[in-house]
Amino acid sequence: MLSGGCLCKGYRFEIQGECTTMVDCHCSMCRKAHGSDYATFVGCSANEFQLICGQDLVGSFQSSENGARAFCTVCGSNLPMVGEQEVYIPAGLIDGDPGVRTSAHYFVGSKAPWVTIIDDAPQHEEYPAG
């Protein structure tokens, strides 16, 4: 079991099963939201993600027509994107080793100009087909 949470520790969660994937997103929205050259997300099944505390601290920003970004209203940490089937967790929120490594790079067509991707993970201009 893995656990994690935000910087102020007001939002805490547990992952009861295995993490299924790790992806690096290079889109301009992730770069702005995370203040970094890309954002790394770890995926798990929604039924294996359990929020322990902090639902009342979750703020939301509609970052695009199709998506919103959750954040802690106390410390500003980016929070997981919770869907019906899967949850995508900013990797830096996880306290231990999620047991997966970067398997793909998304939105490399808009990556920061100073970034050189040096691993062998597949690179996709946008979301991969399917």
Protein backbone atom coordinates (compact mmCIF):
# COMPACT_ATOMS: atom_id res chain seq x y z
CA MET A 1 0.00 0.00 0.00
CA LEU A 2 1.18 3.50 -0.86
CA SER A 3 0.18 6.74 0.76
CA GLY A 4 0.63 10.36 -0.09
CA GLY A 5 -0.70 13.84 0.21
CA CYS A 6 -0.20 17.53 -0.29
CA LEU A 7 2.46 19.81 1.17
CA CYS A 8 0.39 20.92 4.20
CA LYS A 9 -0.71 17.30 4.84
CA GLY A 10 -4.37 18.35 4.94
CA TYR A 11 -5.17 16.19 1.90
CA ARG A 12 -4.11 12.54 2.33
CA PHE A 13 -4.79 9.41 0.31
CA GLU A 14 -3.90 5.73 0.06
CA ILE A 15 -3.50 3.45 -2.93
CA GLN A 16 -4.61 -0.07 -2.02
CA GLY A 17 -3.34 -1.82 -5.17
CA GLU A 18 -0.73 -1.48 -7.87
CA CYS A 19 0.08 1.67 -9.78
CA THR A 20 -0.52 0.96 -13.44
CA THR A 21 1.39 3.64 -15.31
CA MET A 22 3.62 6.68 -15.10
CA VAL A 23 3.56 9.33 -17.83
CA ASP A 24 5.28 12.67 -18.35
CA CYS A 25 3.05 15.39 -19.78
CA HIS A 26 4.82 18.22 -21.58
CA CYS A 27 1.73 20.30 -22.45
CA SER A 28 1.83 24.01 -21.71
CA MET A 29 -1.01 23.74 -19.16
CA CYS A 30 0.84 21.12 -17.10
CA ARG A 31 4.04 23.17 -17.30
CA LYS A 32 2.23 26.28 -16.04
CA ALA A 33 0.25 24.45 -13.35
CA HIS A 34 3.28 22.60 -11.98
CA GLY A 35 5.83 25.37 -12.52
CA SER A 36 8.16 22.88 -14.14
CA ASP A 37 9.33 21.67 -17.54
CA TYR A 38 6.79 18.79 -17.43
CA ALA A 39 4.44 17.04 -15.02
CA THR A 40 4.70 13.38 -14.07
CA PHE A 41 1.52 11.49 -13.24
CA VAL A 42 1.05 8.03 -11.77
CA GLY A 43 -2.13 6.14 -12.61
CA CYS A 44 -4.09 3.66 -10.55
CA SER A 45 -7.55 2.13 -10.64
CA ALA A 46 -10.21 4.40 -9.11
CA ASN A 47 -11.47 1.61 -6.89
CA GLU A 48 -7.98 1.27 -5.35
CA PHE A 49 -7.65 4.99 -4.52
CA GLN A 50 -8.97 6.06 -1.14
CA LEU A 51 -9.11 9.63 0.09
CA ILE A 52 -8.30 9.65 3.82
CA CYS A 53 -8.90 13.34 4.53
CA GLY A 54 -9.04 16.72 2.87
CA GLN A 55 -12.01 16.66 0.49
CA ASP A 56 -13.04 20.01 1.99
CA LEU A 57 -9.66 21.50 0.94
CA VAL A 58 -10.02 20.70 -2.77
CA GLY A 59 -10.27 23.69 -5.07
CA SER A 60 -10.79 23.48 -8.80
CA PHE A 61 -9.72 25.52 -11.81
CA GLN A 62 -11.32 24.96 -15.23
CA SER A 63 -8.10 24.86 -17.26
CA SER A 64 -9.69 23.94 -20.58
CA GLU A 65 -13.04 23.21 -22.14
CA ASN A 66 -12.60 19.52 -21.33
CA GLY A 67 -10.77 19.55 -18.04
CA ALA A 68 -10.34 20.98 -14.59
CA ARG A 69 -7.34 20.92 -12.29
CA ALA A 70 -7.67 20.21 -8.60
CA PHE A 71 -5.48 21.89 -6.00
CA CYS A 72 -5.23 22.21 -2.23
CA THR A 73 -6.74 25.53 -1.15
CA VAL A 74 -4.33 25.73 1.80
CA CYS A 75 -0.90 24.97 0.29
CA GLY A 76 -1.60 25.10 -3.47
CA SER A 77 -0.36 21.57 -4.24
CA ASN A 78 -1.69 19.99 -7.42
CA LEU A 79 -4.05 17.18 -6.48
CA PRO A 80 -5.09 13.95 -8.21
CA MET A 81 -7.43 13.91 -11.19
CA VAL A 82 -10.10 11.46 -10.04
CA GLY A 83 -12.10 9.79 -12.80
CA GLU A 84 -14.69 7.04 -12.75
CA GLN A 85 -12.21 4.36 -13.88
CA GLU A 86 -8.75 5.75 -13.12
CA VAL A 87 -7.01 8.29 -10.93
CA TYR A 88 -3.98 10.23 -12.12
CA ILE A 89 -1.83 11.41 -9.23
CA PRO A 90 0.94 14.00 -9.51
CA ALA A 91 3.92 11.74 -8.78
CA GLY A 92 5.46 14.13 -6.27
CA LEU A 93 2.50 13.59 -3.91
CA ILE A 94 3.35 9.92 -3.40
CA ASP A 95 5.40 9.22 -0.27
CA GLY A 96 7.09 6.01 -1.45
CA ASP A 97 8.13 4.28 -4.65
CA PRO A 98 5.10 3.72 -6.89
CA GLY A 99 6.86 0.79 -8.55
CA VAL A 100 6.47 2.13 -12.10
CA ARG A 101 8.66 4.34 -14.27
CA THR A 102 7.91 6.69 -17.14
CA SER A 103 6.28 4.68 -19.91
CA ALA A 104 5.42 7.57 -22.27
CA HIS A 105 5.80 11.27 -22.93
CA TYR A 106 2.62 13.14 -23.95
CA PHE A 107 2.38 16.44 -25.82
CA VAL A 108 6.03 16.57 -26.84
CA GLY A 109 4.91 18.85 -29.68
CA SER A 110 4.56 21.63 -27.11
CA LYS A 111 7.38 20.71 -24.73
CA ALA A 112 9.61 23.41 -23.29
CA PRO A 113 12.35 24.35 -25.78
CA TRP A 114 15.13 23.68 -23.27
CA VAL A 115 14.03 20.08 -22.59
CA THR A 116 15.80 17.14 -24.19
CA ILE A 117 14.10 13.81 -23.56
CA ILE A 118 16.83 11.26 -22.96
CA ASP A 119 14.96 8.06 -22.12
CA ASP A 120 13.58 5.49 -24.57
CA ALA A 121 9.89 5.87 -23.62
CA PRO A 122 7.57 6.51 -26.57
CA GLN A 123 6.95 10.16 -27.41
CA HIS A 124 3.56 11.38 -28.58
CA GLU A 125 2.84 14.79 -30.15
CA GLU A 126 -0.51 14.80 -28.29
CA TYR A 127 -2.53 12.09 -26.55
CA PRO A 128 -1.79 8.74 -28.16
CA ALA A 129 -4.56 7.23 -30.27
CA GLY A 130 -6.95 5.05 -28.28
